[in-house]
Amino acid sequence: MKFPLFSLLLVLLAAFALATAPQKSVVISYPESTPDHVLQQAKDAIQAAGGIITHEYNLIKGFAARVPVKVLESIQTWGAEYNALIEEDQVVYTNEEVN
């Protein structure tokens, strides 16, 4: 019985370490031809690392999230074949003046 308890302790310690890791707000998008399982793999990795999916988009194939910085490299690698685009989530303004 010691092995399962020890394994659980290791998982909890790893989760705590990742949860305290620096996080970044990002928007991750993919071309429309990207299979859904690629997006799901990225979302699962973010949540497993203690990140949060903050919004899932309908008009584009993508989502916004608060992501531990360490996991971004893995997501970029998995999405490389599909040209995943990871951008910092930020406020965007439009020019209200008509020229």
PDB file of N, CA and C in Angstrom:
ATOM      1  N   MET A   1       0.798  -1.202   0.000  1.00  0.00           N
ATOM      2  CA  MET A   1       0.000   0.000   0.000  1.00  0.00           C
ATOM      3  C   MET A   1       0.844   1.272   0.000  1.00  0.00           C
ATOM      4  N   LYS A   2       2.113   1.173   0.327  1.00  0.00           N
ATOM      5  CA  LYS A   2       2.937   2.368   0.371  1.00  0.00           C
ATOM      6  C   LYS A   2       3.169   2.950  -1.015  1.00  0.00           C
ATOM      7  N   PHE A   3       3.262   2.128  -2.022  1.00  0.00           N
ATOM      8  CA  PHE A   3       3.536   2.639  -3.376  1.00  0.00           C
ATOM      9  C   PHE A   3       2.414   3.549  -3.882  1.00  0.00           C
ATOM     10  N   PRO A   4       1.135   3.149  -3.803  1.00  0.00           N
ATOM     11  CA  PRO A   4       0.081   4.050  -4.268  1.00  0.00           C
ATOM     12  C   PRO A   4       0.048   5.362  -3.478  1.00  0.00           C
ATOM     13  N   LEU A   5       0.266   5.305  -2.178  1.00  0.00           N
ATOM     14  CA  LEU A   5       0.272   6.518  -1.364  1.00  0.00           C
ATOM     15  C   LEU A   5       1.436   7.415  -1.770  1.00  0.00           C
ATOM     16  N   PHE A   6       2.603   6.819  -1.994  1.00  0.00           N
ATOM     17  CA  PHE A   6       3.775   7.579  -2.425  1.00  0.00           C
ATOM     18  C   PHE A   6       3.529   8.203  -3.794  1.00  0.00           C
ATOM     19  N   SER A   7       2.908   7.446  -4.704  1.00  0.00           N
ATOM     20  CA  SER A   7       2.601   7.975  -6.035  1.00  0.00           C
ATOM     21  C   SER A   7       1.630   9.149  -5.948  1.00  0.00           C
ATOM     22  N   LEU A   8       0.636   9.034  -5.109  1.00  0.00           N
ATOM     23  CA  LEU A   8      -0.329  10.114  -4.923  1.00  0.00           C
ATOM     24  C   LEU A   8       0.367  11.356  -4.379  1.00  0.00           C
ATOM     25  N   LEU A   9       1.267  11.171  -3.442  1.00  0.00           N
ATOM     26  CA  LEU A   9       2.007  12.293  -2.884  1.00  0.00           C
ATOM     27  C   LEU A   9       2.845  12.988  -3.953  1.00  0.00           C
ATOM     28  N   LEU A  10       3.497  12.221  -4.810  1.00  0.00           N
ATOM     29  CA  LEU A  10       4.289  12.802  -5.893  1.00  0.00           C
ATOM     30  C   LEU A  10       3.415  13.596  -6.859  1.00  0.00           C
ATOM     31  N   VAL A  11       2.258  13.065  -7.202  1.00  0.00           N
ATOM     32  CA  VAL A  11       1.342  13.759  -8.102  1.00  0.00           C
ATOM     33  C   VAL A  11       0.862  15.065  -7.462  1.00  0.00           C
ATOM     34  N   LEU A  12       0.520  15.032  -6.197  1.00  0.00           N
ATOM     35  CA  LEU A  12       0.071  16.242  -5.509  1.00  0.00           C
ATOM     36  C   LEU A  12       1.172  17.290  -5.421  1.00  0.00           C
ATOM     37  N   LEU A  13       2.404  16.855  -5.163  1.00  0.00           N
ATOM     38  CA  LEU A  13       3.521  17.790  -5.115  1.00  0.00           C
ATOM     39  C   LEU A  13       3.780  18.411  -6.485  1.00  0.00           C
ATOM     40  N   ALA A  14       3.711  17.607  -7.528  1.00  0.00           N
ATOM     41  CA  ALA A  14       3.908  18.119  -8.887  1.00  0.00           C
ATOM     42  C   ALA A  14       2.800  19.112  -9.241  1.00  0.00           C
ATOM     43  N   ALA A  15       1.573  18.795  -8.891  1.00  0.00           N
ATOM     44  CA  ALA A  15       0.454  19.701  -9.171  1.00  0.00           C
ATOM     45  C   ALA A  15       0.625  21.013  -8.417  1.00  0.00           C
ATOM     46  N   PHE A  16       1.078  20.941  -7.186  1.00  0.00           N
ATOM     47  CA  PHE A  16       1.304  22.166  -6.410  1.00  0.00           C
ATOM     48  C   PHE A  16       2.418  23.001  -7.031  1.00  0.00           C
ATOM     49  N   ALA A  17       3.481  22.356  -7.456  1.00  0.00           N
ATOM     50  CA  ALA A  17       4.597  23.081  -8.079  1.00  0.00           C
ATOM     51  C   ALA A  17       4.143  23.770  -9.361  1.00  0.00           C
ATOM     52  N   LEU A  18       3.348  23.089 -10.166  1.00  0.00           N
ATOM     53  CA  LEU A  18       2.862  23.697 -11.402  1.00  0.00           C
ATOM     54  C   LEU A  18       1.847  24.793 -11.123  1.00  0.00           C
ATOM     55  N   ALA A  19       1.054  24.624 -10.088  1.00  0.00           N
ATOM     56  CA  ALA A  19       0.036  25.629  -9.769  1.00  0.00           C
ATOM     57  C   ALA A  19       0.682  26.928  -9.307  1.00  0.00           C
ATOM     58  N   THR A  20       1.865  26.842  -8.701  1.00  0.00           N
ATOM     59  CA  THR A  20       2.535  28.046  -8.241  1.00  0.00           C
ATOM     60  C   THR A  20       3.475  28.606  -9.307  1.00  0.00           C
ATOM     61  N   ALA A  21       3.578  27.933 -10.446  1.00  0.00           N
ATOM     62  CA  ALA A  21       4.425  28.411 -11.529  1.00  0.00           C
ATOM     63  C   ALA A  21       3.811  29.661 -12.157  1.00  0.00           C
ATOM     64  N   PRO A  22       4.663  30.526 -12.721  1.00  0.00           N
ATOM     65  CA  PRO A  22       4.128  31.731 -13.372  1.00  0.00           C
ATOM     66  C   PRO A  22       3.148  31.367 -14.486  1.00  0.00           C
ATOM     67  N   GLN A  23       2.060  32.127 -14.564  1.00  0.00           N
ATOM     68  CA  GLN A  23       1.059  31.885 -15.597  1.00  0.00           C
ATOM     69  C   GLN A  23       0.978  33.080 -16.532  1.00  0.00           C
ATOM     70  N   LYS A  24       0.500  32.804 -17.730  1.00  0.00           N
ATOM     71  CA  LYS A  24       0.387  33.825 -18.758  1.00  0.00           C
ATOM     72  C   LYS A  24      -0.989  33.703 -19.401  1.00  0.00           C
ATOM     73  N   SER A  25      -1.616  34.834 -19.708  1.00  0.00           N
ATOM     74  CA  SER A  25      -2.898  34.826 -20.420  1.00  0.00           C
ATOM     75  C   SER A  25      -2.602  34.797 -21.913  1.00  0.00           C
ATOM     76  N   VAL A  26      -3.140  33.783 -22.585  1.00  0.00           N
ATOM     77  CA  VAL A  26      -2.869  33.611 -24.012  1.00  0.00           C
ATOM     78  C   VAL A  26      -4.140  33.277 -24.776  1.00  0.00           C
ATOM     79  N   VAL A  27      -4.071  33.503 -26.084  1.00  0.00           N
ATOM     80  CA  VAL A  27      -5.082  33.025 -27.014  1.00  0.00           C
ATOM     81  C   VAL A  27      -4.370  32.041 -27.914  1.00  0.00           C
ATOM     82  N   ILE A  28      -4.904  30.836 -28.016  1.00  0.00           N
ATOM     83  CA  ILE A  28      -4.313  29.788 -28.849  1.00  0.00           C
ATOM     84  C   ILE A  28      -5.306  29.492 -29.957  1.00  0.00           C
ATOM     85  N   SER A  29      -4.854  29.632 -31.202  1.00  0.00           N
ATOM     86  CA  SER A  29      -5.749  29.382 -32.334  1.00  0.00           C
ATOM     87  C   SER A  29      -5.065  28.472 -33.348  1.00  0.00           C
ATOM     88  N   TYR A  30      -5.902  27.808 -34.118  1.00  0.00           N
ATOM     89  CA  TYR A  30      -5.456  26.834 -35.111  1.00  0.00           C
ATOM     90  C   TYR A  30      -6.217  27.074 -36.413  1.00  0.00           C
ATOM     91  N   PRO A  31      -5.646  26.646 -37.541  1.00  0.00           N
ATOM     92  CA  PRO A  31      -6.403  26.706 -38.801  1.00  0.00           C
ATOM     93  C   PRO A  31      -7.652  25.827 -38.699  1.00  0.00           C
ATOM     94  N   GLU A  32      -8.662  26.147 -39.497  1.00  0.00           N
ATOM     95  CA  GLU A  32      -9.932  25.404 -39.463  1.00  0.00           C
ATOM     96  C   GLU A  32      -9.768  23.912 -39.761  1.00  0.00           C
ATOM     97  N   SER A  33      -8.747  23.542 -40.505  1.00  0.00           N
ATOM     98  CA  SER A  33      -8.551  22.134 -40.876  1.00  0.00           C
ATOM     99  C   SER A  33      -7.931  21.295 -39.758  1.00  0.00           C
ATOM    100  N   THR A  34      -7.594  21.909 -38.643  1.00  0.00           N
ATOM    101  CA  THR A  34      -6.976  21.186 -37.528  1.00  0.00           C
ATOM    102  C   THR A  34      -7.980  20.234 -36.889  1.00  0.00           C
ATOM    103  N   PRO A  35      -7.595  18.967 -36.670  1.00  0.00           N
ATOM    104  CA  PRO A  35      -8.510  18.022 -36.012  1.00  0.00           C
ATOM    105  C   PRO A  35      -8.830  18.468 -34.577  1.00  0.00           C
ATOM    106  N   ASP A  36     -10.043  18.192 -34.141  1.00  0.00           N
ATOM    107  CA  ASP A  36     -10.484  18.591 -32.805  1.00  0.00           C
ATOM    108  C   ASP A  36      -9.621  17.978 -31.700  1.00  0.00           C
ATOM    109  N   HIS A  37      -9.069  16.779 -31.936  1.00  0.00           N
ATOM    110  CA  HIS A  37      -8.278  16.150 -30.877  1.00  0.00           C
ATOM    111  C   HIS A  37      -6.999  16.931 -30.567  1.00  0.00           C
ATOM    112  N   VAL A  38      -6.507  17.713 -31.504  1.00  0.00           N
ATOM    113  CA  VAL A  38      -5.320  18.530 -31.254  1.00  0.00           C
ATOM    114  C   VAL A  38      -5.655  19.640 -30.258  1.00  0.00           C
ATOM    115  N   LEU A  39      -6.787  20.295 -30.454  1.00  0.00           N
ATOM    116  CA  LEU A  39      -7.236  21.315 -29.497  1.00  0.00           C
ATOM    117  C   LEU A  39      -7.495  20.697 -28.131  1.00  0.00           C
ATOM    118  N   GLN A  40      -8.142  19.552 -28.121  1.00  0.00           N
ATOM    119  CA  GLN A  40      -8.464  18.893 -26.851  1.00  0.00           C
ATOM    120  C   GLN A  40      -7.191  18.501 -26.104  1.00  0.00           C
ATOM    121  N   GLN A  41      -6.180  18.040 -26.814  1.00  0.00           N
ATOM    122  CA  GLN A  41      -4.904  17.673 -26.193  1.00  0.00           C
ATOM    123  C   GLN A  41      -4.288  18.907 -25.515  1.00  0.00           C
ATOM    124  N   ALA A  42      -4.330  20.047 -26.199  1.00  0.00           N
ATOM    125  CA  ALA A  42      -3.784  21.283 -25.626  1.00  0.00           C
ATOM    126  C   ALA A  42      -4.580  21.703 -24.392  1.00  0.00           C
ATOM    127  N   LYS A  43      -5.915  21.664 -24.477  1.00  0.00           N
ATOM    128  CA  LYS A  43      -6.749  22.049 -23.335  1.00  0.00           C
ATOM    129  C   LYS A  43      -6.530  21.117 -22.147  1.00  0.00           C
ATOM    130  N   ASP A  44      -6.420  19.830 -22.414  1.00  0.00           N
ATOM    131  CA  ASP A  44      -6.181  18.864 -21.337  1.00  0.00           C
ATOM    132  C   ASP A  44      -4.839  19.126 -20.654  1.00  0.00           C
ATOM    133  N   ALA A  45      -3.810  19.423 -21.450  1.00  0.00           N
ATOM    134  CA  ALA A  45      -2.478  19.698 -20.885  1.00  0.00           C
ATOM    135  C   ALA A  45      -2.501  20.953 -20.020  1.00  0.00           C
ATOM    136  N   ILE A  46      -3.211  21.969 -20.470  1.00  0.00           N
ATOM    137  CA  ILE A  46      -3.318  23.216 -19.704  1.00  0.00           C
ATOM    138  C   ILE A  46      -3.996  22.955 -18.366  1.00  0.00           C
ATOM    139  N   GLN A  47      -5.105  22.238 -18.400  1.00  0.00           N
ATOM    140  CA  GLN A  47      -5.842  21.962 -17.162  1.00  0.00           C
ATOM    141  C   GLN A  47      -5.057  21.044 -16.240  1.00  0.00           C
ATOM    142  N   ALA A  48      -4.347  20.068 -16.784  1.00  0.00           N
ATOM    143  CA  ALA A  48      -3.547  19.159 -15.963  1.00  0.00           C
ATOM    144  C   ALA A  48      -2.394  19.898 -15.286  1.00  0.00           C
ATOM    145  N   ALA A  49      -1.917  20.974 -15.912  1.00  0.00           N
ATOM    146  CA  ALA A  49      -0.815  21.753 -15.352  1.00  0.00           C
ATOM    147  C   ALA A  49      -1.301  22.854 -14.417  1.00  0.00           C
ATOM    148  N   GLY A  50      -2.608  22.917 -14.167  1.00  0.00           N
ATOM    149  CA  GLY A  50      -3.147  23.906 -13.253  1.00  0.00           C
ATOM    150  C   GLY A  50      -3.622  25.181 -13.930  1.00  0.00           C
ATOM    151  N   GLY A  51      -3.668  25.175 -15.268  1.00  0.00           N
ATOM    152  CA  GLY A  51      -4.157  26.330 -16.008  1.00  0.00           C
ATOM    153  C   GLY A  51      -5.674  26.306 -16.106  1.00  0.00           C
ATOM    154  N   ILE A  52      -6.218  27.383 -16.665  1.00  0.00           N
ATOM    155  CA  ILE A  52      -7.674  27.517 -16.778  1.00  0.00           C
ATOM    156  C   ILE A  52      -8.030  27.961 -18.188  1.00  0.00           C
ATOM    157  N   ILE A  53      -8.973  27.273 -18.801  1.00  0.00           N
ATOM    158  CA  ILE A  53      -9.521  27.704 -20.090  1.00  0.00           C
ATOM    159  C   ILE A  53     -10.532  28.795 -19.759  1.00  0.00           C
ATOM    160  N   THR A  54     -10.280  30.015 -20.241  1.00  0.00           N
ATOM    161  CA  THR A  54     -11.151  31.134 -19.884  1.00  0.00           C
ATOM    162  C   THR A  54     -12.223  31.414 -20.925  1.00  0.00           C
ATOM    163  N   HIS A  55     -12.009  30.981 -22.164  1.00  0.00           N
ATOM    164  CA  HIS A  55     -13.011  31.199 -23.203  1.00  0.00           C
ATOM    165  C   HIS A  55     -12.746  30.257 -24.372  1.00  0.00           C
ATOM    166  N   GLU A  56     -13.807  29.682 -24.917  1.00  0.00           N
ATOM    167  CA  GLU A  56     -13.702  28.876 -26.131  1.00  0.00           C
ATOM    168  C   GLU A  56     -14.410  29.644 -27.242  1.00  0.00           C
ATOM    169  N   TYR A  57     -13.697  29.861 -28.338  1.00  0.00           N
ATOM    170  CA  TYR A  57     -14.235  30.657 -29.435  1.00  0.00           C
ATOM    171  C   TYR A  57     -15.075  29.817 -30.387  1.00  0.00           C
ATOM    172  N   ASN A  58     -16.082  30.455 -30.991  1.00  0.00           N
ATOM    173  CA  ASN A  58     -16.939  29.796 -31.968  1.00  0.00           C
ATOM    174  C   ASN A  58     -16.593  30.191 -33.400  1.00  0.00           C
ATOM    175  N   LEU A  59     -16.144  31.433 -33.587  1.00  0.00           N
ATOM    176  CA  LEU A  59     -15.852  31.916 -34.934  1.00  0.00           C
ATOM    177  C   LEU A  59     -14.498  31.437 -35.454  1.00  0.00           C
ATOM    178  N   ILE A  60     -13.588  31.168 -34.547  1.00  0.00           N
ATOM    179  CA  ILE A  60     -12.283  30.628 -34.929  1.00  0.00           C
ATOM    180  C   ILE A  60     -12.063  29.340 -34.153  1.00  0.00           C
ATOM    181  N   LYS A  61     -11.153  28.538 -34.608  1.00  0.00           N
ATOM    182  CA  LYS A  61     -10.823  27.297 -33.911  1.00  0.00           C
ATOM    183  C   LYS A  61      -9.746  27.625 -32.892  1.00  0.00           C
ATOM    184  N   GLY A  62     -10.184  27.898 -31.665  1.00  0.00           N
ATOM    185  CA  GLY A  62      -9.226  28.266 -30.642  1.00  0.00           C
ATOM    186  C   GLY A  62      -9.882  28.569 -29.321  1.00  0.00           C
ATOM    187  N   PHE A  63      -9.058  29.006 -28.372  1.00  0.00           N
ATOM    188  CA  PHE A  63      -9.530  29.297 -27.027  1.00  0.00           C
ATOM    189  C   PHE A  63      -8.555  30.239 -26.334  1.00  0.00           C
ATOM    190  N   ALA A  64      -9.023  30.863 -25.258  1.00  0.00           N
ATOM    191  CA  ALA A  64      -8.197  31.702 -24.402  1.00  0.00           C
ATOM    192  C   ALA A  64      -7.977  30.952 -23.100  1.00  0.00           C
ATOM    193  N   ALA A  65      -6.818  31.188 -22.481  1.00  0.00           N
ATOM    194  CA  ALA A  65      -6.513  30.468 -21.250  1.00  0.00           C
ATOM    195  C   ALA A  65      -5.469  31.205 -20.428  1.00  0.00           C
ATOM    196  N   ARG A  66      -5.460  30.875 -19.127  1.00  0.00           N
ATOM    197  CA  ARG A  66      -4.340  31.247 -18.253  1.00  0.00           C
ATOM    198  C   ARG A  66      -3.516  29.983 -18.137  1.00  0.00           C
ATOM    199  N   VAL A  67      -2.281  30.069 -18.611  1.00  0.00           N
ATOM    200  CA  VAL A  67      -1.457  28.872 -18.808  1.00  0.00           C
ATOM    201  C   VAL A  67      -0.143  28.985 -18.042  1.00  0.00           C
ATOM    202  N   PRO A  68       0.254  27.923 -17.321  1.00  0.00           N
ATOM    203  CA  PRO A  68       1.601  27.916 -16.769  1.00  0.00           C
ATOM    204  C   PRO A  68       2.607  28.024 -17.928  1.00  0.00           C
ATOM    205  N   VAL A  69       3.565  28.924 -17.791  1.00  0.00           N
ATOM    206  CA  VAL A  69       4.507  29.205 -18.874  1.00  0.00           C
ATOM    207  C   VAL A  69       5.205  27.930 -19.361  1.00  0.00           C
ATOM    208  N   LYS A  70       5.502  27.021 -18.451  1.00  0.00           N
ATOM    209  CA  LYS A  70       6.225  25.791 -18.817  1.00  0.00           C
ATOM    210  C   LYS A  70       5.462  24.935 -19.828  1.00  0.00           C
ATOM    211  N   VAL A  71       4.150  25.014 -19.836  1.00  0.00           N
ATOM    212  CA  VAL A  71       3.341  24.150 -20.710  1.00  0.00           C
ATOM    213  C   VAL A  71       3.228  24.720 -22.136  1.00  0.00           C
ATOM    214  N   LEU A  72       3.504  26.012 -22.308  1.00  0.00           N
ATOM    215  CA  LEU A  72       3.359  26.633 -23.629  1.00  0.00           C
ATOM    216  C   LEU A  72       4.257  26.003 -24.691  1.00  0.00           C
ATOM    217  N   GLU A  73       5.463  25.638 -24.306  1.00  0.00           N
ATOM    218  CA  GLU A  73       6.381  25.018 -25.265  1.00  0.00           C
ATOM    219  C   GLU A  73       5.831  23.682 -25.772  1.00  0.00           C
ATOM    220  N   SER A  74       5.270  22.892 -24.879  1.00  0.00           N
ATOM    221  CA  SER A  74       4.685  21.606 -25.281  1.00  0.00           C
ATOM    222  C   SER A  74       3.520  21.818 -26.235  1.00  0.00           C
ATOM    223  N   ILE A  75       2.668  22.785 -25.934  1.00  0.00           N
ATOM    224  CA  ILE A  75       1.511  23.057 -26.794  1.00  0.00           C
ATOM    225  C   ILE A  75       1.974  23.517 -28.165  1.00  0.00           C
ATOM    226  N   GLN A  76       2.992  24.367 -28.198  1.00  0.00           N
ATOM    227  CA  GLN A  76       3.531  24.840 -29.478  1.00  0.00           C
ATOM    228  C   GLN A  76       4.098  23.671 -30.281  1.00  0.00           C
ATOM    229  N   THR A  77       4.784  22.763 -29.625  1.00  0.00           N
ATOM    230  CA  THR A  77       5.364  21.602 -30.304  1.00  0.00           C
ATOM    231  C   THR A  77       4.278  20.700 -30.864  1.00  0.00           C
ATOM    232  N   TRP A  78       3.239  20.405 -30.061  1.00  0.00           N
ATOM    233  CA  TRP A  78       2.150  19.548 -30.531  1.00  0.00           C
ATOM    234  C   TRP A  78       1.413  20.177 -31.699  1.00  0.00           C
ATOM    235  N   GLY A  79       1.281  21.498 -31.689  1.00  0.00           N
ATOM    236  CA  GLY A  79       0.526  22.186 -32.729  1.00  0.00           C
ATOM    237  C   GLY A  79       1.349  22.619 -33.921  1.00  0.00           C
ATOM    238  N   ALA A  80       2.643  22.339 -33.918  1.00  0.00           N
ATOM    239  CA  ALA A  80       3.526  22.798 -34.999  1.00  0.00           C
ATOM    240  C   ALA A  80       3.072  22.299 -36.369  1.00  0.00           C
ATOM    241  N   GLU A  81       2.657  21.064 -36.432  1.00  0.00           N
ATOM    242  CA  GLU A  81       2.198  20.486 -37.700  1.00  0.00           C
ATOM    243  C   GLU A  81       0.970  21.222 -38.237  1.00  0.00           C
ATOM    244  N   TYR A  82       0.190  21.812 -37.326  1.00  0.00           N
ATOM    245  CA  TYR A  82      -1.057  22.480 -37.712  1.00  0.00           C
ATOM    246  C   TYR A  82      -0.951  24.008 -37.641  1.00  0.00           C
ATOM    247  N   ASN A  83       0.271  24.519 -37.473  1.00  0.00           N
ATOM    248  CA  ASN A  83       0.506  25.971 -37.398  1.00  0.00           C
ATOM    249  C   ASN A  83      -0.276  26.640 -36.268  1.00  0.00           C
ATOM    250  N   ALA A  84      -0.153  26.086 -35.081  1.00  0.00           N
ATOM    251  CA  ALA A  84      -0.790  26.693 -33.914  1.00  0.00           C
ATOM    252  C   ALA A  84      -0.213  28.080 -33.696  1.00  0.00           C
ATOM    253  N   LEU A  85      -1.075  29.011 -33.355  1.00  0.00           N
ATOM    254  CA  LEU A  85      -0.659  30.381 -33.088  1.00  0.00           C
ATOM    255  C   LEU A  85      -0.958  30.689 -31.624  1.00  0.00           C
ATOM    256  N   ILE A  86       0.083  31.007 -30.869  1.00  0.00           N
ATOM    257  CA  ILE A  86      -0.077  31.350 -29.455  1.00  0.00           C
ATOM    258  C   ILE A  86       0.280  32.815 -29.306  1.00  0.00           C
ATOM    259  N   GLU A  87      -0.710  33.595 -28.861  1.00  0.00           N
ATOM    260  CA  GLU A  87      -0.519  35.032 -28.705  1.00  0.00           C
ATOM    261  C   GLU A  87      -0.876  35.447 -27.289  1.00  0.00           C
ATOM    262  N   GLU A  88      -0.218  36.471 -26.801  1.00  0.00           N
ATOM    263  CA  GLU A  88      -0.576  36.996 -25.492  1.00  0.00           C
ATOM    264  C   GLU A  88      -1.975  37.595 -25.576  1.00  0.00           C
ATOM    265  N   ASP A  89      -2.813  37.259 -24.612  1.00  0.00           N
ATOM    266  CA  ASP A  89      -4.170  37.793 -24.566  1.00  0.00           C
ATOM    267  C   ASP A  89      -4.087  39.234 -24.077  1.00  0.00           C
ATOM    268  N   GLN A  90      -4.616  40.145 -24.860  1.00  0.00           N
ATOM    269  CA  GLN A  90      -4.560  41.555 -24.489  1.00  0.00           C
ATOM    270  C   GLN A  90      -5.761  42.295 -25.049  1.00  0.00           C
ATOM    271  N   VAL A  91      -5.996  43.469 -24.538  1.00  0.00           N
ATOM    272  CA  VAL A  91      -7.105  44.297 -24.999  1.00  0.00           C
ATOM    273  C   VAL A  91      -6.729  44.885 -26.354  1.00  0.00           C
ATOM    274  N   VAL A  92      -7.675  44.843 -27.284  1.00  0.00           N
ATOM    275  CA  VAL A  92      -7.462  45.394 -28.618  1.00  0.00           C
ATOM    276  C   VAL A  92      -8.448  46.536 -28.813  1.00  0.00           C
ATOM    277  N   TYR A  93      -7.945  47.648 -29.305  1.00  0.00           N
ATOM    278  CA  TYR A  93      -8.777  48.816 -29.552  1.00  0.00           C
ATOM    279  C   TYR A  93      -8.930  49.043 -31.048  1.00  0.00           C
ATOM    280  N   THR A  94     -10.052  49.633 -31.426  1.00  0.00           N
ATOM    281  CA  THR A  94     -10.253  50.028 -32.811  1.00  0.00           C
ATOM    282  C   THR A  94     -10.233  51.539 -32.891  1.00  0.00           C
ATOM    283  N   ASN A  95      -9.906  52.039 -34.038  1.00  0.00           N
ATOM    284  CA  ASN A  95      -9.911  53.481 -34.265  1.00  0.00           C
ATOM    285  C   ASN A  95     -11.340  53.902 -34.567  1.00  0.00           C
ATOM    286  N   GLU A  96     -11.908  54.736 -33.721  1.00  0.00           N
ATOM    287  CA  GLU A  96     -13.297  55.135 -33.891  1.00  0.00           C
ATOM    288  C   GLU A  96     -13.467  56.277 -34.889  1.00  0.00           C
ATOM    289  N   GLU A  97     -12.413  56.947 -35.242  1.00  0.00           N
ATOM    290  CA  GLU A  97     -12.498  58.047 -36.184  1.00  0.00           C
ATOM    291  C   GLU A  97     -12.538  57.518 -37.615  1.00  0.00           C
ATOM    292  N   VAL A  98     -13.400  58.095 -38.428  1.00  0.00           N
ATOM    293  CA  VAL A  98     -13.495  57.718 -39.840  1.00  0.00           C
ATOM    294  C   VAL A  98     -12.720  58.777 -40.622  1.00  0.00           C
ATOM    295  N   ASN A  99     -11.767  58.345 -41.405  1.00  0.00           N
ATOM    296  CA  ASN A  99     -10.963  59.290 -42.204  1.00  0.00           C
ATOM    297  C   ASN A  99     -11.542  59.505 -43.555  1.00  0.00           C
TER     298      ASN A  99
END
